[in-house]
Amino acid sequence: GHQRRRRRRRRRRQRGGGPGPPGRHHRQPQASPPLSISSSNGVTCPSRRIRLYTWLSHRCFSDCVTTFYRKTLGKREGDCVRACVRKYQLATAASAARFNKLADPSAAADDEDEDD
């Protein structure tokens, strides 16, 4: 019983599934929603930044690059990737500002005073 479960876990790890280091089979990265870059105390979390970078790279590359004739991107592909990244950076900055405003009621009150 116990030995058999151990062997199954070991095989699963070698195939790249389950906990543990990936095996020799490469798994395709899945596009997941973007993550916030900052933790609650304002310090950037490296693993979250890496996951966000990976997600954004995969998303923009798959949207913009359709041909693989050269090692470098064509002009349109490069422009498309830059526009895609810029779009997500602006959206992330806007949503972060909105969440910060919602989290800090005194900042929201200050903004209302400025509108007068």
PDB file of N, CA and C in Angstrom:
ATOM      1  N   GLY A   1       0.806  -1.189   0.000  1.00  0.00           N
ATOM      2  CA  GLY A   1       0.000   0.000   0.000  1.00  0.00           C
ATOM      3  C   GLY A   1       0.856   1.262   0.000  1.00  0.00           C
ATOM      4  N   HIS A   2       1.667   1.414   1.058  1.00  0.00           N
ATOM      5  CA  HIS A   2       2.463   2.630   1.208  1.00  0.00           C
ATOM      6  C   HIS A   2       3.523   2.742   0.118  1.00  0.00           C
ATOM      7  N   GLN A   3       4.201   1.640  -0.196  1.00  0.00           N
ATOM      8  CA  GLN A   3       5.240   1.640  -1.237  1.00  0.00           C
ATOM      9  C   GLN A   3       4.639   1.985  -2.601  1.00  0.00           C
ATOM     10  N   ARG A   4       3.470   1.458  -2.883  1.00  0.00           N
ATOM     11  CA  ARG A   4       2.819   1.692  -4.163  1.00  0.00           C
ATOM     12  C   ARG A   4       2.473   3.182  -4.329  1.00  0.00           C
ATOM     13  N   ARG A   5       1.974   3.820  -3.255  1.00  0.00           N
ATOM     14  CA  ARG A   5       1.666   5.250  -3.321  1.00  0.00           C
ATOM     15  C   ARG A   5       2.919   6.069  -3.562  1.00  0.00           C
ATOM     16  N   ARG A   6       4.016   5.677  -2.915  1.00  0.00           N
ATOM     17  CA  ARG A   6       5.288   6.382  -3.110  1.00  0.00           C
ATOM     18  C   ARG A   6       5.739   6.305  -4.563  1.00  0.00           C
ATOM     19  N   ARG A   7       5.650   5.106  -5.144  1.00  0.00           N
ATOM     20  CA  ARG A   7       6.048   4.938  -6.541  1.00  0.00           C
ATOM     21  C   ARG A   7       5.177   5.792  -7.461  1.00  0.00           C
ATOM     22  N   ARG A   8       3.858   5.822  -7.199  1.00  0.00           N
ATOM     23  CA  ARG A   8       2.956   6.630  -8.008  1.00  0.00           C
ATOM     24  C   ARG A   8       3.318   8.111  -7.932  1.00  0.00           C
ATOM     25  N   ARG A   9       3.610   8.592  -6.728  1.00  0.00           N
ATOM     26  CA  ARG A   9       4.005   9.994  -6.562  1.00  0.00           C
ATOM     27  C   ARG A   9       5.293  10.283  -7.310  1.00  0.00           C
ATOM     28  N   ARG A  10       6.251   9.364  -7.215  1.00  0.00           N
ATOM     29  CA  ARG A  10       7.536   9.553  -7.883  1.00  0.00           C
ATOM     30  C   ARG A  10       7.334   9.623  -9.395  1.00  0.00           C
ATOM     31  N   ARG A  11       6.500   8.736  -9.953  1.00  0.00           N
ATOM     32  CA  ARG A  11       6.227   8.749 -11.387  1.00  0.00           C
ATOM     33  C   ARG A  11       5.533  10.046 -11.799  1.00  0.00           C
ATOM     34  N   ARG A  12       4.592  10.506 -10.978  1.00  0.00           N
ATOM     35  CA  ARG A  12       3.878  11.736 -11.282  1.00  0.00           C
ATOM     36  C   ARG A  12       4.840  12.918 -11.320  1.00  0.00           C
ATOM     37  N   ARG A  13       5.774  12.973 -10.393  1.00  0.00           N
ATOM     38  CA  ARG A  13       6.767  14.049 -10.376  1.00  0.00           C
ATOM     39  C   ARG A  13       7.654  13.992 -11.609  1.00  0.00           C
ATOM     40  N   GLN A  14       8.031  12.801 -12.042  1.00  0.00           N
ATOM     41  CA  GLN A  14       8.891  12.655 -13.210  1.00  0.00           C
ATOM     42  C   GLN A  14       8.179  13.110 -14.477  1.00  0.00           C
ATOM     43  N   ARG A  15       6.852  12.977 -14.503  1.00  0.00           N
ATOM     44  CA  ARG A  15       6.087  13.410 -15.671  1.00  0.00           C
ATOM     45  C   ARG A  15       5.766  14.893 -15.637  1.00  0.00           C
ATOM     46  N   GLY A  16       6.091  15.567 -14.555  1.00  0.00           N
ATOM     47  CA  GLY A  16       5.832  16.996 -14.475  1.00  0.00           C
ATOM     48  C   GLY A  16       4.509  17.332 -13.822  1.00  0.00           C
ATOM     49  N   GLY A  17       3.801  16.375 -13.263  1.00  0.00           N
ATOM     50  CA  GLY A  17       2.543  16.653 -12.593  1.00  0.00           C
ATOM     51  C   GLY A  17       2.698  16.571 -11.091  1.00  0.00           C
ATOM     52  N   GLY A  18       1.865  17.257 -10.367  1.00  0.00           N
ATOM     53  CA  GLY A  18       1.895  17.204  -8.916  1.00  0.00           C
ATOM     54  C   GLY A  18       3.035  18.000  -8.327  1.00  0.00           C
ATOM     55  N   PRO A  19       3.193  17.906  -7.004  1.00  0.00           N
ATOM     56  CA  PRO A  19       4.244  18.676  -6.347  1.00  0.00           C
ATOM     57  C   PRO A  19       5.621  18.136  -6.673  1.00  0.00           C
ATOM     58  N   GLY A  20       6.611  18.987  -6.530  1.00  0.00           N
ATOM     59  CA  GLY A  20       7.984  18.558  -6.781  1.00  0.00           C
ATOM     60  C   GLY A  20       8.535  19.196  -8.030  1.00  0.00           C
ATOM     61  N   PRO A  21       9.813  18.988  -8.284  1.00  0.00           N
ATOM     62  CA  PRO A  21      10.434  19.596  -9.460  1.00  0.00           C
ATOM     63  C   PRO A  21       9.896  18.982 -10.746  1.00  0.00           C
ATOM     64  N   PRO A  22       9.825  19.768 -11.822  1.00  0.00           N
ATOM     65  CA  PRO A  22       9.298  19.225 -13.075  1.00  0.00           C
ATOM     66  C   PRO A  22      10.216  18.159 -13.650  1.00  0.00           C
ATOM     67  N   GLY A  23       9.615  17.222 -14.332  1.00  0.00           N
ATOM     68  CA  GLY A  23      10.383  16.149 -14.962  1.00  0.00           C
ATOM     69  C   GLY A  23      10.863  16.561 -16.335  1.00  0.00           C
ATOM     70  N   ARG A  24      11.118  15.578 -17.171  1.00  0.00           N
ATOM     71  CA  ARG A  24      11.664  15.890 -18.486  1.00  0.00           C
ATOM     72  C   ARG A  24      10.596  16.353 -19.458  1.00  0.00           C
ATOM     73  N   HIS A  25       9.315  16.128 -19.144  1.00  0.00           N
ATOM     74  CA  HIS A  25       8.238  16.575 -20.027  1.00  0.00           C
ATOM     75  C   HIS A  25       7.926  18.028 -19.734  1.00  0.00           C
ATOM     76  N   HIS A  26       7.962  18.853 -20.776  1.00  0.00           N
ATOM     77  CA  HIS A  26       7.691  20.281 -20.606  1.00  0.00           C
ATOM     78  C   HIS A  26       6.196  20.518 -20.697  1.00  0.00           C
ATOM     79  N   ARG A  27       5.646  21.216 -19.721  1.00  0.00           N
ATOM     80  CA  ARG A  27       4.225  21.528 -19.744  1.00  0.00           C
ATOM     81  C   ARG A  27       4.026  22.924 -20.303  1.00  0.00           C
ATOM     82  N   GLN A  28       3.026  23.088 -21.136  1.00  0.00           N
ATOM     83  CA  GLN A  28       2.716  24.382 -21.743  1.00  0.00           C
ATOM     84  C   GLN A  28       2.214  25.329 -20.661  1.00  0.00           C
ATOM     85  N   PRO A  29       2.755  26.565 -20.591  1.00  0.00           N
ATOM     86  CA  PRO A  29       2.261  27.502 -19.581  1.00  0.00           C
ATOM     87  C   PRO A  29       0.812  27.873 -19.865  1.00  0.00           C
ATOM     88  N   GLN A  30       0.032  27.968 -18.796  1.00  0.00           N
ATOM     89  CA  GLN A  30      -1.366  28.305 -18.958  1.00  0.00           C
ATOM     90  C   GLN A  30      -1.548  29.787 -18.711  1.00  0.00           C
ATOM     91  N   ALA A  31      -2.394  30.404 -19.502  1.00  0.00           N
ATOM     92  CA  ALA A  31      -2.672  31.821 -19.314  1.00  0.00           C
ATOM     93  C   ALA A  31      -3.639  31.963 -18.154  1.00  0.00           C
ATOM     94  N   SER A  32      -3.159  32.548 -17.083  1.00  0.00           N
ATOM     95  CA  SER A  32      -3.999  32.808 -15.931  1.00  0.00           C
ATOM     96  C   SER A  32      -4.149  34.312 -15.794  1.00  0.00           C
ATOM     97  N   PRO A  33      -5.119  34.763 -15.022  1.00  0.00           N
ATOM     98  CA  PRO A  33      -5.299  36.201 -14.901  1.00  0.00           C
ATOM     99  C   PRO A  33      -4.087  36.861 -14.258  1.00  0.00           C
ATOM    100  N   PRO A  34      -3.847  38.118 -14.581  1.00  0.00           N
ATOM    101  CA  PRO A  34      -2.683  38.799 -14.017  1.00  0.00           C
ATOM    102  C   PRO A  34      -2.806  38.932 -12.518  1.00  0.00           C
ATOM    103  N   LEU A  35      -1.680  38.913 -11.850  1.00  0.00           N
ATOM    104  CA  LEU A  35      -1.645  39.015 -10.403  1.00  0.00           C
ATOM    105  C   LEU A  35      -1.176  40.394 -10.006  1.00  0.00           C
ATOM    106  N   SER A  36      -1.544  40.788  -8.793  1.00  0.00           N
ATOM    107  CA  SER A  36      -1.058  42.082  -8.332  1.00  0.00           C
ATOM    108  C   SER A  36       0.430  41.980  -8.055  1.00  0.00           C
ATOM    109  N   ILE A  37       1.147  43.056  -8.288  1.00  0.00           N
ATOM    110  CA  ILE A  37       2.593  43.030  -8.145  1.00  0.00           C
ATOM    111  C   ILE A  37       3.014  43.284  -6.710  1.00  0.00           C
ATOM    112  N   SER A  38       2.275  44.091  -5.981  1.00  0.00           N
ATOM    113  CA  SER A  38       2.687  44.463  -4.630  1.00  0.00           C
ATOM    114  C   SER A  38       1.965  43.624  -3.598  1.00  0.00           C
ATOM    115  N   SER A  39       2.657  43.331  -2.520  1.00  0.00           N
ATOM    116  CA  SER A  39       2.023  42.657  -1.405  1.00  0.00           C
ATOM    117  C   SER A  39       1.363  43.714  -0.535  1.00  0.00           C
ATOM    118  N   SER A  40       0.742  43.310   0.575  1.00  0.00           N
ATOM    119  CA  SER A  40      -0.007  44.255   1.392  1.00  0.00           C
ATOM    120  C   SER A  40       0.876  45.321   2.025  1.00  0.00           C
ATOM    121  N   ASN A  41       2.149  45.026   2.273  1.00  0.00           N
ATOM    122  CA  ASN A  41       3.007  46.026   2.900  1.00  0.00           C
ATOM    123  C   ASN A  41       3.741  46.882   1.874  1.00  0.00           C
ATOM    124  N   GLY A  42       3.417  46.767   0.588  1.00  0.00           N
ATOM    125  CA  GLY A  42       4.014  47.622  -0.423  1.00  0.00           C
ATOM    126  C   GLY A  42       5.327  47.108  -0.983  1.00  0.00           C
ATOM    127  N   VAL A  43       5.850  46.012  -0.461  1.00  0.00           N
ATOM    128  CA  VAL A  43       7.106  45.456  -0.959  1.00  0.00           C
ATOM    129  C   VAL A  43       6.785  44.515  -2.108  1.00  0.00           C
ATOM    130  N   THR A  44       7.525  44.611  -3.169  1.00  0.00           N
ATOM    131  CA  THR A  44       7.260  43.781  -4.340  1.00  0.00           C
ATOM    132  C   THR A  44       7.657  42.336  -4.069  1.00  0.00           C
ATOM    133  N   CYS A  45       6.822  41.424  -4.484  1.00  0.00           N
ATOM    134  CA  CYS A  45       7.071  39.999  -4.290  1.00  0.00           C
ATOM    135  C   CYS A  45       7.659  39.437  -5.587  1.00  0.00           C
ATOM    136  N   PRO A  46       8.908  38.968  -5.560  1.00  0.00           N
ATOM    137  CA  PRO A  46       9.560  38.509  -6.801  1.00  0.00           C
ATOM    138  C   PRO A  46       8.802  37.398  -7.518  1.00  0.00           C
ATOM    139  N   SER A  47       8.268  36.433  -6.788  1.00  0.00           N
ATOM    140  CA  SER A  47       7.588  35.328  -7.473  1.00  0.00           C
ATOM    141  C   SER A  47       6.324  35.820  -8.179  1.00  0.00           C
ATOM    142  N   ARG A  48       5.627  36.768  -7.596  1.00  0.00           N
ATOM    143  CA  ARG A  48       4.437  37.314  -8.260  1.00  0.00           C
ATOM    144  C   ARG A  48       4.824  38.119  -9.492  1.00  0.00           C
ATOM    145  N   ARG A  49       5.924  38.872  -9.393  1.00  0.00           N
ATOM    146  CA  ARG A  49       6.380  39.647 -10.548  1.00  0.00           C
ATOM    147  C   ARG A  49       6.759  38.710 -11.688  1.00  0.00           C
ATOM    148  N   ILE A  50       7.414  37.601 -11.369  1.00  0.00           N
ATOM    149  CA  ILE A  50       7.821  36.638 -12.397  1.00  0.00           C
ATOM    150  C   ILE A  50       6.589  36.012 -13.040  1.00  0.00           C
ATOM    151  N   ARG A  51       5.597  35.641 -12.227  1.00  0.00           N
ATOM    152  CA  ARG A  51       4.377  35.047 -12.771  1.00  0.00           C
ATOM    153  C   ARG A  51       3.629  36.038 -13.655  1.00  0.00           C
ATOM    154  N   LEU A  52       3.579  37.307 -13.224  1.00  0.00           N
ATOM    155  CA  LEU A  52       2.924  38.328 -14.034  1.00  0.00           C
ATOM    156  C   LEU A  52       3.665  38.535 -15.344  1.00  0.00           C
ATOM    157  N   TYR A  53       4.990  38.599 -15.287  1.00  0.00           N
ATOM    158  CA  TYR A  53       5.804  38.772 -16.497  1.00  0.00           C
ATOM    159  C   TYR A  53       5.590  37.598 -17.453  1.00  0.00           C
ATOM    160  N   THR A  54       5.586  36.385 -16.919  1.00  0.00           N
ATOM    161  CA  THR A  54       5.389  35.186 -17.738  1.00  0.00           C
ATOM    162  C   THR A  54       4.010  35.210 -18.391  1.00  0.00           C
ATOM    163  N   TRP A  55       2.998  35.535 -17.612  1.00  0.00           N
ATOM    164  CA  TRP A  55       1.639  35.578 -18.150  1.00  0.00           C
ATOM    165  C   TRP A  55       1.532  36.629 -19.245  1.00  0.00           C
ATOM    166  N   LEU A  56       2.074  37.827 -18.981  1.00  0.00           N
ATOM    167  CA  LEU A  56       1.985  38.917 -19.947  1.00  0.00           C
ATOM    168  C   LEU A  56       2.762  38.596 -21.222  1.00  0.00           C
ATOM    169  N   SER A  57       3.950  38.013 -21.071  1.00  0.00           N
ATOM    170  CA  SER A  57       4.749  37.632 -22.241  1.00  0.00           C
ATOM    171  C   SER A  57       4.001  36.627 -23.102  1.00  0.00           C
ATOM    172  N   HIS A  58       3.456  35.611 -22.454  1.00  0.00           N
ATOM    173  CA  HIS A  58       2.729  34.565 -23.176  1.00  0.00           C
ATOM    174  C   HIS A  58       1.503  35.154 -23.880  1.00  0.00           C
ATOM    175  N   ARG A  59       0.770  35.983 -23.167  1.00  0.00           N
ATOM    176  CA  ARG A  59      -0.457  36.562 -23.711  1.00  0.00           C
ATOM    177  C   ARG A  59      -0.163  37.445 -24.927  1.00  0.00           C
ATOM    178  N   CYS A  60       0.775  38.374 -24.781  1.00  0.00           N
ATOM    179  CA  CYS A  60       1.061  39.307 -25.877  1.00  0.00           C
ATOM    180  C   CYS A  60       1.734  38.599 -27.051  1.00  0.00           C
ATOM    181  N   PHE A  61       2.623  37.655 -26.764  1.00  0.00           N
ATOM    182  CA  PHE A  61       3.292  36.928 -27.846  1.00  0.00           C
ATOM    183  C   PHE A  61       2.270  36.127 -28.646  1.00  0.00           C
ATOM    184  N   SER A  62       1.398  35.409 -27.957  1.00  0.00           N
ATOM    185  CA  SER A  62       0.433  34.577 -28.682  1.00  0.00           C
ATOM    186  C   SER A  62      -0.583  35.425 -29.446  1.00  0.00           C
ATOM    187  N   ASP A  63      -0.885  36.633 -28.958  1.00  0.00           N
ATOM    188  CA  ASP A  63      -1.813  37.513 -29.675  1.00  0.00           C
ATOM    189  C   ASP A  63      -1.176  38.152 -30.900  1.00  0.00           C
ATOM    190  N   CYS A  64       0.127  38.456 -30.838  1.00  0.00           N
ATOM    191  CA  CYS A  64       0.764  39.286 -31.869  1.00  0.00           C
ATOM    192  C   CYS A  64       1.612  38.516 -32.878  1.00  0.00           C
ATOM    193  N   VAL A  65       2.230  37.429 -32.467  1.00  0.00           N
ATOM    194  CA  VAL A  65       3.174  36.735 -33.348  1.00  0.00           C
ATOM    195  C   VAL A  65       2.468  35.555 -33.995  1.00  0.00           C
ATOM    196  N   THR A  66       2.363  35.608 -35.322  1.00  0.00           N
ATOM    197  CA  THR A  66       1.653  34.546 -36.039  1.00  0.00           C
ATOM    198  C   THR A  66       2.567  33.762 -36.968  1.00  0.00           C
ATOM    199  N   THR A  67       3.700  34.341 -37.334  1.00  0.00           N
ATOM    200  CA  THR A  67       4.628  33.650 -38.230  1.00  0.00           C
ATOM    201  C   THR A  67       5.965  33.468 -37.531  1.00  0.00           C
ATOM    202  N   PHE A  68       6.672  32.445 -37.919  1.00  0.00           N
ATOM    203  CA  PHE A  68       7.964  32.146 -37.305  1.00  0.00           C
ATOM    204  C   PHE A  68       9.029  31.999 -38.387  1.00  0.00           C
ATOM    205  N   TYR A  69       9.123  33.002 -39.269  1.00  0.00           N
ATOM    206  CA  TYR A  69      10.081  32.936 -40.364  1.00  0.00           C
ATOM    207  C   TYR A  69      11.467  33.407 -39.958  1.00  0.00           C
ATOM    208  N   ARG A  70      11.539  34.281 -38.972  1.00  0.00           N
ATOM    209  CA  ARG A  70      12.821  34.862 -38.569  1.00  0.00           C
ATOM    210  C   ARG A  70      13.027  34.695 -37.071  1.00  0.00           C
ATOM    211  N   LYS A  71      14.278  34.948 -36.638  1.00  0.00           N
ATOM    212  CA  LYS A  71      14.572  34.921 -35.204  1.00  0.00           C
ATOM    213  C   LYS A  71      14.061  36.172 -34.509  1.00  0.00           C
ATOM    214  N   THR A  72      13.956  37.267 -35.262  1.00  0.00           N
ATOM    215  CA  THR A  72      13.512  38.535 -34.683  1.00  0.00           C
ATOM    216  C   THR A  72      12.073  38.819 -35.087  1.00  0.00           C
ATOM    217  N   LEU A  73      11.438  39.702 -34.343  1.00  0.00           N
ATOM    218  CA  LEU A  73      10.066  40.080 -34.662  1.00  0.00           C
ATOM    219  C   LEU A  73      10.043  41.049 -35.834  1.00  0.00           C
ATOM    220  N   GLY A  74       8.997  40.970 -36.619  1.00  0.00           N
ATOM    221  CA  GLY A  74       8.795  41.956 -37.674  1.00  0.00           C
ATOM    222  C   GLY A  74       8.343  43.277 -37.065  1.00  0.00           C
ATOM    223  N   LYS A  75       8.315  44.331 -37.849  1.00  0.00           N
ATOM    224  CA  LYS A  75       7.941  45.656 -37.337  1.00  0.00           C
ATOM    225  C   LYS A  75       6.528  45.649 -36.751  1.00  0.00           C
ATOM    226  N   ARG A  76       5.580  45.091 -37.471  1.00  0.00           N
ATOM    227  CA  ARG A  76       4.198  45.042 -36.971  1.00  0.00           C
ATOM    228  C   ARG A  76       4.087  44.198 -35.708  1.00  0.00           C
ATOM    229  N   GLU A  77       4.794  43.064 -35.689  1.00  0.00           N
ATOM    230  CA  GLU A  77       4.748  42.204 -34.503  1.00  0.00           C
ATOM    231  C   GLU A  77       5.324  42.921 -33.288  1.00  0.00           C
ATOM    232  N   GLY A  78       6.459  43.587 -33.481  1.00  0.00           N
ATOM    233  CA  GLY A  78       7.078  44.328 -32.381  1.00  0.00           C
ATOM    234  C   GLY A  78       6.181  45.438 -31.867  1.00  0.00           C
ATOM    235  N   ASP A  79       5.561  46.176 -32.793  1.00  0.00           N
ATOM    236  CA  ASP A  79       4.635  47.246 -32.401  1.00  0.00           C
ATOM    237  C   ASP A  79       3.433  46.682 -31.651  1.00  0.00           C
ATOM    238  N   CYS A  80       2.942  45.549 -32.126  1.00  0.00           N
ATOM    239  CA  CYS A  80       1.794  44.906 -31.486  1.00  0.00           C
ATOM    240  C   CYS A  80       2.139  44.471 -30.059  1.00  0.00           C
ATOM    241  N   VAL A  81       3.300  43.845 -29.879  1.00  0.00           N
ATOM    242  CA  VAL A  81       3.717  43.394 -28.548  1.00  0.00           C
ATOM    243  C   VAL A  81       3.871  44.593 -27.617  1.00  0.00           C
ATOM    244  N   ARG A  82       4.516  45.671 -28.098  1.00  0.00           N
ATOM    245  CA  ARG A  82       4.692  46.865 -27.262  1.00  0.00           C
ATOM    246  C   ARG A  82       3.344  47.471 -26.868  1.00  0.00           C
ATOM    247  N   ALA A  83       2.415  47.539 -27.824  1.00  0.00           N
ATOM    248  CA  ALA A  83       1.088  48.091 -27.531  1.00  0.00           C
ATOM    249  C   ALA A  83       0.341  47.210 -26.531  1.00  0.00           C
ATOM    250  N   CYS A  84       0.471  45.909 -26.679  1.00  0.00           N
ATOM    251  CA  CYS A  84      -0.178  44.963 -25.770  1.00  0.00           C
ATOM    252  C   CYS A  84       0.348  45.137 -24.348  1.00  0.00           C
ATOM    253  N   VAL A  85       1.660  45.191 -24.206  1.00  0.00           N
ATOM    254  CA  VAL A  85       2.269  45.354 -22.880  1.00  0.00           C
ATOM    255  C   VAL A  85       1.858  46.698 -22.288  1.00  0.00           C
ATOM    256  N   ARG A  86       1.892  47.754 -23.089  1.00  0.00           N
ATOM    257  CA  ARG A  86       1.510  49.092 -22.615  1.00  0.00           C
ATOM    258  C   ARG A  86       0.062  49.090 -22.124  1.00  0.00           C
ATOM    259  N   LYS A  87      -0.816  48.400 -22.874  1.00  0.00           N
ATOM    260  CA  LYS A  87      -2.229  48.340 -22.497  1.00  0.00           C
ATOM    261  C   LYS A  87      -2.390  47.697 -21.121  1.00  0.00           C
ATOM    262  N   TYR A  88      -1.703  46.565 -20.896  1.00  0.00           N
ATOM    263  CA  TYR A  88      -1.822  45.879 -19.613  1.00  0.00           C
ATOM    264  C   TYR A  88      -1.156  46.658 -18.484  1.00  0.00           C
ATOM    265  N   GLN A  89      -0.068  47.371 -18.776  1.00  0.00           N
ATOM    266  CA  GLN A  89       0.565  48.198 -17.747  1.00  0.00           C
ATOM    267  C   GLN A  89      -0.374  49.317 -17.314  1.00  0.00           C
ATOM    268  N   LEU A  90      -1.008  49.981 -18.271  1.00  0.00           N
ATOM    269  CA  LEU A  90      -1.938  51.059 -17.935  1.00  0.00           C
ATOM    270  C   LEU A  90      -3.147  50.530 -17.165  1.00  0.00           C
ATOM    271  N   ALA A  91      -3.671  49.392 -17.582  1.00  0.00           N
ATOM    272  CA  ALA A  91      -4.821  48.808 -16.892  1.00  0.00           C
ATOM    273  C   ALA A  91      -4.453  48.404 -15.471  1.00  0.00           C
ATOM    274  N   THR A  92      -3.267  47.826 -15.294  1.00  0.00           N
ATOM    275  CA  THR A  92      -2.818  47.422 -13.964  1.00  0.00           C
ATOM    276  C   THR A  92      -2.618  48.638 -13.073  1.00  0.00           C
ATOM    277  N   ALA A  93      -2.003  49.688 -13.615  1.00  0.00           N
ATOM    278  CA  ALA A  93      -1.776  50.905 -12.832  1.00  0.00           C
ATOM    279  C   ALA A  93      -3.105  51.547 -12.432  1.00  0.00           C
ATOM    280  N   ALA A  94      -4.062  51.584 -13.354  1.00  0.00           N
ATOM    281  CA  ALA A  94      -5.366  52.179 -13.055  1.00  0.00           C
ATOM    282  C   ALA A  94      -6.107  51.378 -11.991  1.00  0.00           C
ATOM    283  N   SER A  95      -6.086  50.051 -12.109  1.00  0.00           N
ATOM    284  CA  SER A  95      -6.790  49.240 -11.114  1.00  0.00           C
ATOM    285  C   SER A  95      -6.085  49.298  -9.762  1.00  0.00           C
ATOM    286  N   ALA A  96      -4.755  49.363  -9.750  1.00  0.00           N
ATOM    287  CA  ALA A  96      -4.024  49.483  -8.482  1.00  0.00           C
ATOM    288  C   ALA A  96      -4.351  50.811  -7.805  1.00  0.00           C
ATOM    289  N   ALA A  97      -4.418  51.887  -8.588  1.00  0.00           N
ATOM    290  CA  ALA A  97      -4.768  53.190  -8.019  1.00  0.00           C
ATOM    291  C   ALA A  97      -6.182  53.160  -7.447  1.00  0.00           C
ATOM    292  N   ARG A  98      -7.083  52.514  -8.161  1.00  0.00           N
ATOM    293  CA  ARG A  98      -8.471  52.418  -7.681  1.00  0.00           C
ATOM    294  C   ARG A  98      -8.550  51.608  -6.394  1.00  0.00           C
ATOM    295  N   PHE A  99      -7.849  50.477  -6.322  1.00  0.00           N
ATOM    296  CA  PHE A  99      -7.856  49.663  -5.111  1.00  0.00           C
ATOM    297  C   PHE A  99      -7.225  50.411  -3.946  1.00  0.00           C
ATOM    298  N   ASN A 100      -6.159  51.149  -4.202  1.00  0.00           N
ATOM    299  CA  ASN A 100      -5.536  51.939  -3.141  1.00  0.00           C
ATOM    300  C   ASN A 100      -6.502  52.996  -2.626  1.00  0.00           C
ATOM    301  N   LYS A 101      -7.253  53.599  -3.539  1.00  0.00           N
ATOM    302  CA  LYS A 101      -8.227  54.617  -3.142  1.00  0.00           C
ATOM    303  C   LYS A 101      -9.336  53.989  -2.294  1.00  0.00           C
ATOM    304  N   LEU A 102      -9.785  52.799  -2.680  1.00  0.00           N
ATOM    305  CA  LEU A 102     -10.830  52.117  -1.919  1.00  0.00           C
ATOM    306  C   LEU A 102     -10.325  51.643  -0.560  1.00  0.00           C
ATOM    307  N   ALA A 103      -9.055  51.256  -0.489  1.00  0.00           N
ATOM    308  CA  ALA A 103      -8.490  50.731   0.752  1.00  0.00           C
ATOM    309  C   ALA A 103      -8.197  51.834   1.756  1.00  0.00           C
ATOM    310  N   ASP A 104      -7.972  53.065   1.283  1.00  0.00           N
ATOM    311  CA  ASP A 104      -7.620  54.175   2.161  1.00  0.00           C
ATOM    312  C   ASP A 104      -8.740  55.209   2.134  1.00  0.00           C
ATOM    313  N   PRO A 105      -9.682  55.139   3.095  1.00  0.00           N
ATOM    314  CA  PRO A 105     -10.823  56.054   3.076  1.00  0.00           C
ATOM    315  C   PRO A 105     -10.414  57.525   3.200  1.00  0.00           C
ATOM    316  N   SER A 106      -9.318  57.818   3.890  1.00  0.00           N
ATOM    317  CA  SER A 106      -8.896  59.215   4.042  1.00  0.00           C
ATOM    318  C   SER A 106      -8.460  59.799   2.694  1.00  0.00           C
ATOM    319  N   ALA A 107      -7.867  58.976   1.829  1.00  0.00           N
ATOM    320  CA  ALA A 107      -7.465  59.446   0.501  1.00  0.00           C
ATOM    321  C   ALA A 107      -8.700  59.758  -0.342  1.00  0.00           C
ATOM    322  N   ALA A 108      -9.747  58.959  -0.204  1.00  0.00           N
ATOM    323  CA  ALA A 108     -10.980  59.204  -0.951  1.00  0.00           C
ATOM    324  C   ALA A 108     -11.625  60.501  -0.483  1.00  0.00           C
ATOM    325  N   ALA A 109     -11.585  60.780   0.823  1.00  0.00           N
ATOM    326  CA  ALA A 109     -12.146  62.021   1.354  1.00  0.00           C
ATOM    327  C   ALA A 109     -11.351  63.221   0.853  1.00  0.00           C
ATOM    328  N   ASP A 110     -10.027  63.099   0.767  1.00  0.00           N
ATOM    329  CA  ASP A 110      -9.185  64.178   0.255  1.00  0.00           C
ATOM    330  C   ASP A 110      -9.515  64.478  -1.201  1.00  0.00           C
ATOM    331  N   ASP A 111      -9.766  63.433  -1.986  1.00  0.00           N
ATOM    332  CA  ASP A 111     -10.089  63.616  -3.401  1.00  0.00           C
ATOM    333  C   ASP A 111     -11.416  64.350  -3.572  1.00  0.00           C
ATOM    334  N   GLU A 112     -12.402  64.064  -2.692  1.00  0.00           N
ATOM    335  CA  GLU A 112     -13.695  64.727  -2.776  1.00  0.00           C
ATOM    336  C   GLU A 112     -13.554  66.206  -2.456  1.00  0.00           C
ATOM    337  N   ASP A 113     -12.667  66.553  -1.504  1.00  0.00           N
ATOM    338  CA  ASP A 113     -12.433  67.948  -1.147  1.00  0.00           C
ATOM    339  C   ASP A 113     -11.821  68.710  -2.309  1.00  0.00           C
ATOM    340  N   GLU A 114     -10.962  68.065  -3.093  1.00  0.00           N
ATOM    341  CA  GLU A 114     -10.291  68.719  -4.211  1.00  0.00           C
ATOM    342  C   GLU A 114     -11.252  69.032  -5.346  1.00  0.00           C
ATOM    343  N   ASP A 115     -12.348  68.275  -5.462  1.00  0.00           N
ATOM    344  CA  ASP A 115     -13.306  68.484  -6.540  1.00  0.00           C
ATOM    345  C   ASP A 115     -14.097  69.774  -6.368  1.00  0.00           C
ATOM    346  N   ASP A 116     -14.209  70.310  -5.156  1.00  0.00           N
ATOM    347  CA  ASP A 116     -14.990  71.528  -4.882  1.00  0.00           C
ATOM    348  C   ASP A 116     -14.442  72.757  -5.506  1.00  0.00           C
TER     349      ASP A 116
END
